[in-house]
Protein backbone atom coordinates (compact mmCIF):
# COMPACT_ATOMS: atom_id res chain seq x y z
CA VAL A 1 9.62 28.31 35.14
CA HIS A 2 7.54 25.85 36.98
CA THR A 3 4.87 28.42 37.57
CA ARG A 4 4.75 28.77 33.69
CA PHE A 5 4.47 25.07 33.52
CA LEU A 6 1.17 25.44 35.52
CA TYR A 7 -0.13 28.71 34.31
CA GLU A 8 0.75 28.39 30.57
CA PRO A 9 1.17 24.38 29.84
CA ASN A 10 0.71 25.03 26.03
CA LEU A 11 4.06 27.00 25.98
CA TYR A 12 5.81 23.97 27.29
CA PRO A 13 4.54 20.88 25.72
CA ASN A 14 7.61 18.81 26.48
CA THR A 15 7.25 19.24 30.17
CA LYS A 16 5.50 15.79 30.54
CA THR A 17 6.61 15.24 34.34
CA ALA A 18 5.41 18.82 35.21
CA ALA A 19 2.17 18.48 33.28
CA SER A 20 1.36 15.06 34.76
CA PHE A 21 2.01 16.45 38.39
CA PHE A 22 -0.09 19.57 37.98
CA ASN A 23 -2.76 17.75 36.06
CA GLU A 24 -2.90 15.11 39.08
CA GLN A 25 -2.78 17.77 41.72
CA PHE A 26 -5.09 20.20 40.05
CA GLY A 27 -7.02 18.48 37.35
CA THR A 28 -6.89 18.75 33.72
CA SER A 29 -9.96 21.35 33.43
CA ARG A 30 -8.72 23.62 36.10
CA ASP A 31 -9.26 27.14 36.50
CA ASN A 32 -5.76 28.73 37.12
CA HIS A 33 -7.62 31.70 38.64
CA ASP A 34 -8.70 29.41 41.39
CA PHE A 35 -5.20 29.31 43.20
CA CYS A 36 -1.96 31.31 43.88
CA ALA A 37 1.46 30.39 42.92
CA PHE A 38 4.73 31.37 44.94
CA GLY A 39 8.07 31.25 43.21
CA PHE A 40 11.16 31.13 45.43
CA GLU A 41 14.36 32.27 43.63
CA PRO A 42 17.30 33.34 45.70
CA ASN A 43 19.61 34.28 42.89
CA PRO A 44 19.36 38.06 42.59
CA ALA A 45 20.36 37.82 38.93
CA HIS A 46 16.94 36.54 38.31
CA ARG A 47 14.95 38.84 40.41
CA LYS A 48 13.90 41.10 37.27
CA ARG A 49 12.48 38.21 35.53
CA HIS A 50 10.54 37.18 38.14
CA GLU A 51 9.18 40.54 38.62
CA ASN A 52 8.18 40.70 34.97
CA LEU A 53 6.53 37.40 35.49
CA MET A 54 4.42 38.68 38.25
CA ALA A 55 3.38 41.66 36.40
CA HIS A 56 2.59 39.17 33.30
CA PHE A 57 0.40 36.98 35.28
CA LYS A 58 -1.27 39.92 37.23
CA ALA A 59 -2.32 41.36 33.97
CA GLY A 60 -4.05 38.08 33.10
CA GLY A 61 -5.80 37.84 36.43
CA LEU A 62 -3.41 35.13 37.80
CA ARG A 63 -1.70 35.18 41.19
CA TYR A 64 1.89 34.66 41.36
CA HIS A 65 4.13 36.04 44.13
CA TYR A 66 7.88 35.84 43.48
CA ILE A 67 10.12 35.55 46.87
CA GLY A 68 13.70 36.37 46.28
CA VAL A 69 15.02 33.59 49.16
CA ALA A 70 16.02 29.81 48.75
CA VAL A 71 13.53 27.20 50.44
CA SER A 72 15.30 24.40 52.23
CA ASP A 73 14.79 21.79 54.98
CA SER A 74 18.04 22.95 56.73
CA VAL A 75 19.13 26.52 57.73
CA GLY A 76 22.25 27.93 55.96
CA ASN A 77 23.58 30.23 53.52
CA MET A 78 24.30 30.11 49.74
CA THR A 79 26.89 31.85 48.07
CA PHE A 80 26.43 32.98 44.42
CA TYR A 81 29.33 33.34 42.07
CA HIS A 82 28.91 35.71 38.86
CA ASN A 83 30.58 34.36 35.94
CA GLN A 84 30.08 37.47 34.14
CA ASP A 85 28.78 35.65 31.11
CA GLU A 86 25.10 36.64 30.46
CA ALA A 87 24.80 34.04 27.87
CA LYS A 88 24.65 31.34 30.72
CA GLU A 89 22.14 33.54 32.56
CA GLU A 90 23.90 32.61 36.04
CA TRP A 91 22.34 29.46 36.42
């Protein structure tokens, strides 16, 4: 979602913290074609969504790359439990 805050801020008007951060780092009149964004999401339940986002952004000339791993400052493993409740989207 944070990549969408960066590339499509108009769709997320209530994300004031993210908008402030991105505006500070990249400017308010930025050209989103000038940089590449990486999305890290280890949960396999979200893979298709990120693949769809890659296609969506590519069609608009934006560079987004999904990487299906977790990012941390330590080495380890993460276990995902499926609750079989798609309404909760495996968050």
